Amino acid sequence: MNPGLKGKPVIVGGDPERRGVVASASYEARPFGIHAGMPLSRARRLCPQAIFIQANLPRYREASAKFMGILADFSPRIEPLGLDEAYLDVTGYEQPYGSAQKLALAIKERVHKELKLTASVGIATCKVVAKIASDLCKPDGLLEIAPGGEQDFLNPLPVAKLSGVGKKTEQALKHMGVTTISDLASLPLEVIKENFGGFGIVIHSYAKGIDERSVEAPGEPKSISKQITFAKDTLDRHFLEANLHWVCQEIGEELRCQNKRARCIAIRLRYADFETITRQITLRGASNDNKVTFTTALQLLNEALAQSAKPARLIGVRVSNLVGEQRQLHMFDSRARKLEQLEGAIELIRRKYGPTAIKTGKI
């Protein structure tokens, strides 16, 4: 989007003077210790010469859709992971190219030609090894692990490279003397099962290069959530309500885009001391009405603040137990239908003229 930034340390996430976290960083910024999820203020201290830019999710979604479309041309067996990653099962589909590696090169070429983006590809007999291989050959690399070579490839790597091994699991394994994938693979299964249960069995198999998971298309979404972090901690009720109202509008628009209704509405509130609470209500009937979502979320917010009136730093809403459009209509009540038509008209205006073209308020 801005070729002039090429080769420079760039951090995506917004203004470091305000609260927020790093969404991503260019490879020139990463040697300074910059990583996703880091507070922007800390990122600026580590790399003061970095260029900070705002995220642009609509453009990312547009590029993601084109990227996934390219992948789908090479195999219908595709499992997206977020916006910019996917598993692809190319079994049988590599024949016109001569090999899986040549197919991967063709993918990289198309992504670069059509999107002006680079792609890294890991090729292996199973998902866990392919993912690690793709991570290790970034940026713009290609790494193929031959069948039978999975264990040798994995052995010297840090155990944290395995899918599912987060910081807590890594620390627990470290206390057991496990620092590499080879160490984990060498542990008796009984020991790992005793300490980690069924999850231990899974990562033990991964450490041996065994992963029976198939590539599967994503299922129906189970929930939708939005949240906002404030620039300053606040207990201003009007400010909290205004932000809650905005979040509920975003949720409602997403529900209607997906032709979904929600039965359960929850709020998430994080206080200045980082204590985080959630409160939820199950509705009598599923809804995607902005007013229903906001009224319910506001009730939950008032109850939470009545119990603990502390300044807040984050507020969010999550809707779940999603169902389709089918519902029982009220024969003599056309108000709900009119509200739906009004909200649909407002969304059309916003899509054409921008999200701030028209806003709703309350008296």
Protein backbone atom coordinates (compact mmCIF):
# COMPACT_ATOMS: atom_id res chain seq x y z
CA MET A 1 0.00 0.00 0.00
CA ASN A 2 2.99 2.30 0.59
CA PRO A 3 6.13 1.12 -1.24
CA GLY A 4 8.10 3.97 0.34
CA LEU A 5 8.12 2.03 3.63
CA LYS A 6 9.95 -0.95 2.12
CA GLY A 7 13.13 -1.81 4.02
CA LYS A 8 12.19 0.33 7.03
CA PRO A 9 11.13 -0.71 10.55
CA VAL A 10 7.34 -0.43 10.46
CA ILE A 11 4.92 -1.23 13.28
CA VAL A 12 1.20 -1.68 12.66
CA GLY A 13 -1.10 -0.83 15.53
CA GLY A 14 -1.63 2.91 15.69
CA ASP A 15 -0.34 5.87 17.66
CA PRO A 16 2.21 4.85 20.33
CA GLU A 17 1.05 7.85 22.37
CA ARG A 18 -2.24 6.06 22.91
CA ARG A 19 -3.05 2.70 24.38
CA GLY A 20 -2.89 -0.23 22.03
CA VAL A 21 -0.82 -3.22 21.03
CA VAL A 22 1.31 -4.22 18.08
CA ALA A 23 -0.76 -5.99 15.43
CA SER A 24 2.27 -6.76 13.27
CA ALA A 25 5.76 -5.51 12.49
CA SER A 26 8.05 -5.55 9.49
CA TYR A 27 11.07 -7.83 9.55
CA GLU A 28 13.30 -4.77 9.95
CA ALA A 29 11.59 -4.01 13.29
CA ARG A 30 11.65 -7.53 14.72
CA PRO A 31 15.37 -7.69 15.61
CA PHE A 32 14.62 -4.99 18.20
CA GLY A 33 12.35 -7.43 20.02
CA ILE A 34 9.09 -6.18 18.53
CA HIS A 35 6.32 -8.78 18.37
CA ALA A 36 2.54 -8.94 18.06
CA GLY A 37 0.65 -8.23 21.26
CA MET A 38 3.35 -5.96 22.70
CA PRO A 39 2.15 -2.58 24.05
CA LEU A 40 2.83 0.17 21.51
CA SER A 41 4.55 2.29 24.15
CA ARG A 42 7.07 -0.46 24.82
CA ALA A 43 7.59 -1.01 21.08
CA ARG A 44 8.50 2.66 20.69
CA ARG A 45 11.04 2.44 23.53
CA LEU A 46 12.65 -0.62 21.93
CA CYS A 47 12.65 0.86 18.42
CA PRO A 48 12.25 4.67 18.54
CA GLN A 49 13.09 5.00 14.85
CA ALA A 50 10.15 2.79 13.84
CA ILE A 51 7.31 4.15 11.73
CA PHE A 52 3.93 3.53 13.39
CA ILE A 53 0.88 3.16 11.16
CA GLN A 54 -2.80 2.41 11.68
CA ALA A 55 -4.23 -0.98 10.79
CA ASN A 56 -6.55 -1.14 7.78
CA LEU A 57 -8.71 -4.20 8.30
CA PRO A 58 -10.96 -3.71 5.23
CA ARG A 59 -7.88 -3.75 2.97
CA TYR A 60 -6.50 -6.80 4.80
CA ARG A 61 -9.79 -8.65 4.36
CA GLU A 62 -9.83 -7.77 0.67
CA ALA A 63 -6.28 -9.09 0.21
CA SER A 64 -7.11 -12.17 2.30
CA ALA A 65 -10.10 -13.04 0.12
CA LYS A 66 -7.94 -12.80 -3.01
CA PHE A 67 -5.18 -14.84 -1.35
CA MET A 68 -7.57 -17.62 -0.34
CA GLY A 69 -9.03 -17.53 -3.86
CA ILE A 70 -5.58 -18.17 -5.31
CA LEU A 71 -5.03 -21.11 -2.96
CA ALA A 72 -8.43 -22.57 -3.86
CA ASP A 73 -7.34 -22.68 -7.50
CA PHE A 74 -4.63 -25.20 -6.53
CA SER A 75 -6.70 -27.45 -4.25
CA PRO A 76 -10.29 -27.43 -2.93
CA ARG A 77 -9.03 -28.89 0.36
CA ILE A 78 -8.21 -25.68 2.18
CA GLU A 79 -8.33 -24.74 5.87
CA PRO A 80 -7.78 -21.01 6.50
CA LEU A 81 -5.99 -19.87 9.66
CA GLY A 82 -6.90 -16.24 10.16
CA LEU A 83 -6.39 -13.77 7.34
CA ASP A 84 -2.96 -14.73 6.05
CA GLU A 85 -2.36 -18.46 6.59
CA ALA A 86 -3.93 -21.69 5.44
CA TYR A 87 -3.35 -25.42 5.33
CA LEU A 88 -3.68 -26.95 1.89
CA ASP A 89 -3.97 -30.68 1.17
CA VAL A 90 -2.56 -31.05 -2.34
CA THR A 91 -2.62 -34.85 -2.47
CA GLY A 92 -3.34 -35.72 -6.10
CA TYR A 93 -3.46 -32.08 -7.17
CA GLU A 94 0.30 -31.75 -7.50
CA GLN A 95 0.46 -34.08 -10.53
CA PRO A 96 -0.03 -31.39 -13.23
CA TYR A 97 2.95 -29.51 -11.74
CA GLY A 98 5.19 -32.55 -11.34
CA SER A 99 5.67 -32.25 -7.57
CA ALA A 100 4.35 -30.54 -4.45
CA GLN A 101 7.38 -28.25 -4.49
CA LYS A 102 6.68 -27.04 -8.04
CA LEU A 103 3.04 -26.49 -7.07
CA ALA A 104 4.22 -24.41 -4.09
CA LEU A 105 6.45 -22.34 -6.37
CA ALA A 106 3.46 -21.72 -8.64
CA ILE A 107 1.44 -20.52 -5.64
CA LYS A 108 4.21 -18.14 -4.58
CA GLU A 109 4.50 -16.78 -8.11
CA ARG A 110 0.78 -16.05 -8.38
CA VAL A 111 0.60 -14.44 -4.93
CA HIS A 112 3.49 -12.16 -5.83
CA LYS A 113 2.20 -11.34 -9.30
CA GLU A 114 -1.43 -10.70 -8.37
CA LEU A 115 -1.14 -9.32 -4.83
CA LYS A 116 2.44 -7.97 -4.76
CA LEU A 117 2.92 -9.99 -1.56
CA THR A 118 5.41 -12.65 -0.56
CA ALA A 119 4.38 -16.06 0.76
CA SER A 120 6.31 -18.67 2.72
CA VAL A 121 5.45 -22.32 2.22
CA GLY A 122 6.18 -25.37 4.33
CA ILE A 123 5.64 -28.80 2.78
CA ALA A 124 5.32 -31.96 4.87
CA THR A 125 3.27 -35.09 5.37
CA CYS A 126 1.31 -33.56 8.27
CA LYS A 127 0.00 -30.21 9.47
CA VAL A 128 2.21 -29.66 12.51
CA VAL A 129 5.46 -30.17 10.57
CA ALA A 130 4.29 -28.11 7.57
CA LYS A 131 3.41 -25.20 9.87
CA ILE A 132 6.80 -25.23 11.60
CA ALA A 133 8.57 -25.48 8.25
CA SER A 134 6.71 -22.44 6.91
CA ASP A 135 7.55 -20.45 10.06
CA LEU A 136 11.24 -21.27 9.75
CA CYS A 137 11.57 -20.17 6.13
CA LYS A 138 10.01 -16.73 6.50
CA PRO A 139 10.09 -14.37 4.77
CA ASP A 140 9.40 -15.51 1.20
CA GLY A 141 10.83 -19.01 1.66
CA LEU A 142 10.00 -22.59 0.78
CA LEU A 143 10.99 -25.56 2.91
CA GLU A 144 10.06 -29.17 2.19
CA ILE A 145 10.48 -31.93 4.75
CA ALA A 146 10.78 -35.29 3.05
CA PRO A 147 8.60 -38.17 4.26
CA GLY A 148 10.45 -39.98 7.03
CA GLY A 149 12.55 -36.93 7.89
CA GLU A 150 10.06 -35.34 10.25
CA GLN A 151 11.75 -36.44 13.47
CA ASP A 152 15.24 -35.35 12.39
CA PHE A 153 13.84 -31.97 11.35
CA LEU A 154 12.03 -31.42 14.64
CA ASN A 155 14.59 -32.77 17.12
CA PRO A 156 16.90 -29.73 17.54
CA LEU A 157 14.12 -27.14 17.60
CA PRO A 158 12.91 -25.41 20.81
CA VAL A 159 9.84 -27.11 22.24
CA ALA A 160 7.92 -23.81 21.99
CA LYS A 161 7.85 -24.28 18.20
CA LEU A 162 5.24 -27.02 18.58
CA SER A 163 1.59 -26.09 18.05
CA GLY A 164 -0.18 -25.75 21.38
CA VAL A 165 2.94 -25.20 23.48
CA GLY A 166 2.46 -21.74 24.96
CA LYS A 167 4.46 -19.97 27.64
CA LYS A 168 2.90 -21.84 30.57
CA THR A 169 3.40 -25.25 28.99
CA GLU A 170 6.91 -24.28 27.95
CA GLN A 171 7.77 -23.33 31.55
CA ALA A 172 6.24 -26.54 32.90
CA LEU A 173 8.28 -28.61 30.45
CA LYS A 174 11.40 -26.63 31.30
CA HIS A 175 10.99 -27.60 34.97
CA MET A 176 11.01 -31.22 33.76
CA GLY A 177 14.27 -30.65 31.90
CA VAL A 178 12.58 -30.43 28.48
CA THR A 179 13.85 -27.60 26.27
CA THR A 180 13.93 -29.14 22.79
CA ILE A 181 11.41 -31.14 20.79
CA SER A 182 13.82 -34.06 20.99
CA ASP A 183 13.65 -33.91 24.81
CA LEU A 184 9.87 -34.06 24.68
CA ALA A 185 9.82 -36.94 22.20
CA SER A 186 12.22 -38.90 24.45
CA LEU A 187 10.01 -38.66 27.54
CA PRO A 188 8.03 -41.80 28.42
CA LEU A 189 4.40 -41.36 27.42
CA GLU A 190 3.28 -42.17 30.98
CA VAL A 191 5.28 -39.25 32.35
CA ILE A 192 3.89 -36.71 29.90
CA LYS A 193 0.36 -38.05 30.37
CA GLU A 194 0.65 -37.83 34.15
CA ASN A 195 1.68 -34.17 33.96
CA PHE A 196 -0.45 -32.91 31.09
CA GLY A 197 -3.25 -35.43 30.58
CA GLY A 198 -4.75 -35.84 27.11
CA PHE A 199 -3.08 -32.64 25.91
CA GLY A 200 0.29 -34.20 26.77
CA ILE A 201 -0.45 -37.17 24.53
CA VAL A 202 -1.14 -34.80 21.63
CA ILE A 203 2.06 -32.75 21.93
CA HIS A 204 4.06 -35.94 22.51
CA SER A 205 2.80 -37.20 19.15
CA TYR A 206 3.58 -33.85 17.54
CA ALA A 207 7.14 -34.07 18.89
CA LYS A 208 7.52 -37.34 17.00
CA GLY A 209 6.23 -35.75 13.79
CA ILE A 210 2.89 -37.53 14.05
CA ASP A 211 -0.25 -35.50 13.39
CA GLU A 212 -3.41 -37.28 12.27
CA ARG A 213 -5.47 -34.11 11.79
CA SER A 214 -6.88 -33.71 8.31
CA VAL A 215 -7.25 -30.44 6.44
CA GLU A 216 -10.81 -29.31 7.10
CA ALA A 217 -12.85 -26.37 5.88
CA PRO A 218 -13.84 -23.95 8.66
CA GLY A 219 -17.15 -24.58 10.36
CA GLU A 220 -19.89 -22.15 11.24
CA PRO A 221 -18.80 -19.35 13.61
CA LYS A 222 -19.84 -20.02 17.19
CA SER A 223 -19.62 -16.43 18.40
CA ILE A 224 -18.84 -12.84 17.40
CA SER A 225 -17.01 -10.42 19.65
CA LYS A 226 -15.80 -6.82 19.54
CA GLN A 227 -13.98 -4.74 22.12
CA ILE A 228 -12.36 -1.35 22.54
CA THR A 229 -9.46 -0.24 24.75
CA PHE A 230 -9.66 3.31 26.07
CA ALA A 231 -6.86 5.85 25.82
CA LYS A 232 -7.31 6.56 29.55
CA ASP A 233 -8.94 4.64 32.39
CA THR A 234 -12.44 5.97 32.95
CA LEU A 235 -15.53 5.70 35.10
CA ASP A 236 -17.52 8.18 33.02
CA ARG A 237 -20.89 6.47 32.53
CA HIS A 238 -21.78 8.46 29.39
CA PHE A 239 -18.44 7.61 27.81
CA LEU A 240 -18.77 3.92 28.69
CA GLU A 241 -22.33 3.79 27.33
CA ALA A 242 -21.31 5.54 24.11
CA ASN A 243 -18.53 3.03 23.47
CA LEU A 244 -20.78 0.13 24.41
CA HIS A 245 -23.34 1.47 21.93
CA TRP A 246 -20.71 1.60 19.17
CA VAL A 247 -19.51 -1.95 19.90
CA CYS A 248 -23.09 -3.26 19.82
CA GLN A 249 -23.64 -1.58 16.43
CA GLU A 250 -20.54 -3.32 15.07
CA ILE A 251 -21.77 -6.66 16.45
CA GLY A 252 -25.22 -6.16 14.93
CA GLU A 253 -23.79 -5.37 11.51
CA GLU A 254 -21.60 -8.48 11.62
CA LEU A 255 -24.57 -10.64 12.64
CA ARG A 256 -26.67 -9.36 9.77
CA CYS A 257 -23.82 -9.79 7.29
CA GLN A 258 -23.64 -13.44 8.32
CA ASN A 259 -27.45 -13.82 8.41
CA LYS A 260 -27.20 -14.83 12.04
CA ARG A 261 -29.04 -14.11 15.28
CA ALA A 262 -27.70 -14.53 18.80
CA ARG A 263 -29.35 -16.09 21.84
CA CYS A 264 -26.64 -15.16 24.33
CA ILE A 265 -25.14 -11.70 24.99
CA ALA A 266 -22.11 -11.09 27.22
CA ILE A 267 -20.01 -8.09 28.18
CA ARG A 268 -16.34 -8.04 29.07
CA LEU A 269 -14.99 -5.34 31.33
CA ARG A 270 -11.34 -4.83 32.23
CA TYR A 271 -10.55 -2.45 35.05
CA ALA A 272 -7.53 -0.20 35.51
CA ASP A 273 -5.95 -2.82 37.81
CA PHE A 274 -6.33 -5.39 34.93
CA GLU A 275 -9.02 -7.37 36.75
CA THR A 276 -11.28 -8.68 34.00
CA ILE A 277 -14.89 -9.76 34.45
CA THR A 278 -17.58 -11.15 32.15
CA ARG A 279 -21.35 -11.10 32.57
CA GLN A 280 -23.88 -12.74 30.26
CA ILE A 281 -27.62 -13.21 29.66
CA THR A 282 -29.52 -15.70 27.53
CA LEU A 283 -32.35 -14.07 25.58
CA ARG A 284 -35.85 -15.50 25.33
CA GLY A 285 -35.52 -15.36 21.56
CA ALA A 286 -32.57 -14.99 19.20
CA SER A 287 -31.96 -11.48 17.86
CA ASN A 288 -29.61 -9.40 15.73
CA ASP A 289 -31.31 -6.12 16.60
CA ASN A 290 -28.87 -3.39 17.68
CA LYS A 291 -31.29 -2.08 20.31
CA VAL A 292 -31.79 -5.51 21.88
CA THR A 293 -28.05 -6.12 22.00
CA PHE A 294 -27.31 -2.67 23.45
CA THR A 295 -30.15 -2.73 26.02
CA THR A 296 -29.04 -6.15 27.25
CA ALA A 297 -25.35 -5.22 27.32
CA LEU A 298 -26.15 -1.95 29.15
CA GLN A 299 -28.06 -3.88 31.81
CA LEU A 300 -25.03 -6.12 32.32
CA LEU A 301 -22.71 -3.10 32.48
CA ASN A 302 -24.84 -1.38 35.10
CA GLU A 303 -24.92 -4.54 37.21
CA ALA A 304 -21.13 -4.90 36.96
CA LEU A 305 -20.46 -1.28 37.91
CA ALA A 306 -22.92 -1.52 40.81
CA GLN A 307 -20.80 -4.34 42.21
CA SER A 308 -17.43 -2.71 41.54
CA ALA A 309 -17.35 0.95 40.52
CA LYS A 310 -13.72 1.07 39.40
CA PRO A 311 -12.24 2.90 36.39
CA ALA A 312 -12.30 0.76 33.25
CA ARG A 313 -9.67 0.41 30.51
CA LEU A 314 -11.52 -1.94 28.12
CA ILE A 315 -15.09 -2.84 27.28
CA GLY A 316 -16.28 -5.55 24.93
CA VAL A 317 -19.36 -7.48 23.83
CA ARG A 318 -19.62 -11.09 22.75
CA VAL A 319 -22.68 -12.76 21.24
CA SER A 320 -22.95 -16.52 21.01
CA ASN A 321 -25.34 -19.44 20.55
CA LEU A 322 -25.85 -18.25 16.99
CA VAL A 323 -28.76 -19.41 14.84
CA GLY A 324 -29.87 -18.74 11.27
CA GLU A 325 -32.47 -16.29 10.02
CA GLN A 326 -35.42 -18.60 10.61
CA ARG A 327 -37.65 -17.31 13.40
CA GLN A 328 -41.26 -16.94 14.52
CA LEU A 329 -42.70 -13.59 13.34
CA HIS A 330 -45.18 -11.55 15.39
CA MET A 331 -48.40 -11.22 13.38
CA PHE A 332 -49.51 -7.87 14.79
CA ASP A 333 -46.13 -6.25 15.53
CA SER A 334 -44.42 -4.71 12.50
CA ARG A 335 -42.10 -2.54 14.61
CA ALA A 336 -39.30 -5.12 14.73
CA ARG A 337 -39.40 -5.51 10.96
CA LYS A 338 -39.28 -1.74 10.46
CA LEU A 339 -36.26 -1.46 12.76
CA GLU A 340 -34.47 -4.16 10.74
CA GLN A 341 -35.18 -2.27 7.52
CA LEU A 342 -33.92 0.97 9.08
CA GLU A 343 -30.69 -0.66 10.26
CA GLY A 344 -30.20 -2.21 6.82
CA ALA A 345 -30.57 1.21 5.18
CA ILE A 346 -28.08 2.76 7.62
CA GLU A 347 -25.55 0.02 6.86
CA LEU A 348 -25.88 0.61 3.11
CA ILE A 349 -25.11 4.31 3.65
CA ARG A 350 -22.05 3.47 5.76
CA ARG A 351 -20.72 1.02 3.19
CA LYS A 352 -21.03 3.64 0.46
CA TYR A 353 -19.88 6.75 2.33
CA GLY A 354 -17.84 5.38 5.27
CA PRO A 355 -18.55 4.30 8.85
CA THR A 356 -18.90 7.87 10.14
CA ALA A 357 -21.36 9.01 7.44
CA ILE A 358 -24.32 8.39 9.71
CA LYS A 359 -24.46 7.63 13.39
CA THR A 360 -27.24 6.76 15.77
CA GLY A 361 -27.70 8.31 19.17
CA LYS A 362 -30.11 8.22 22.07
CA ILE A 363 -32.12 10.78 23.98
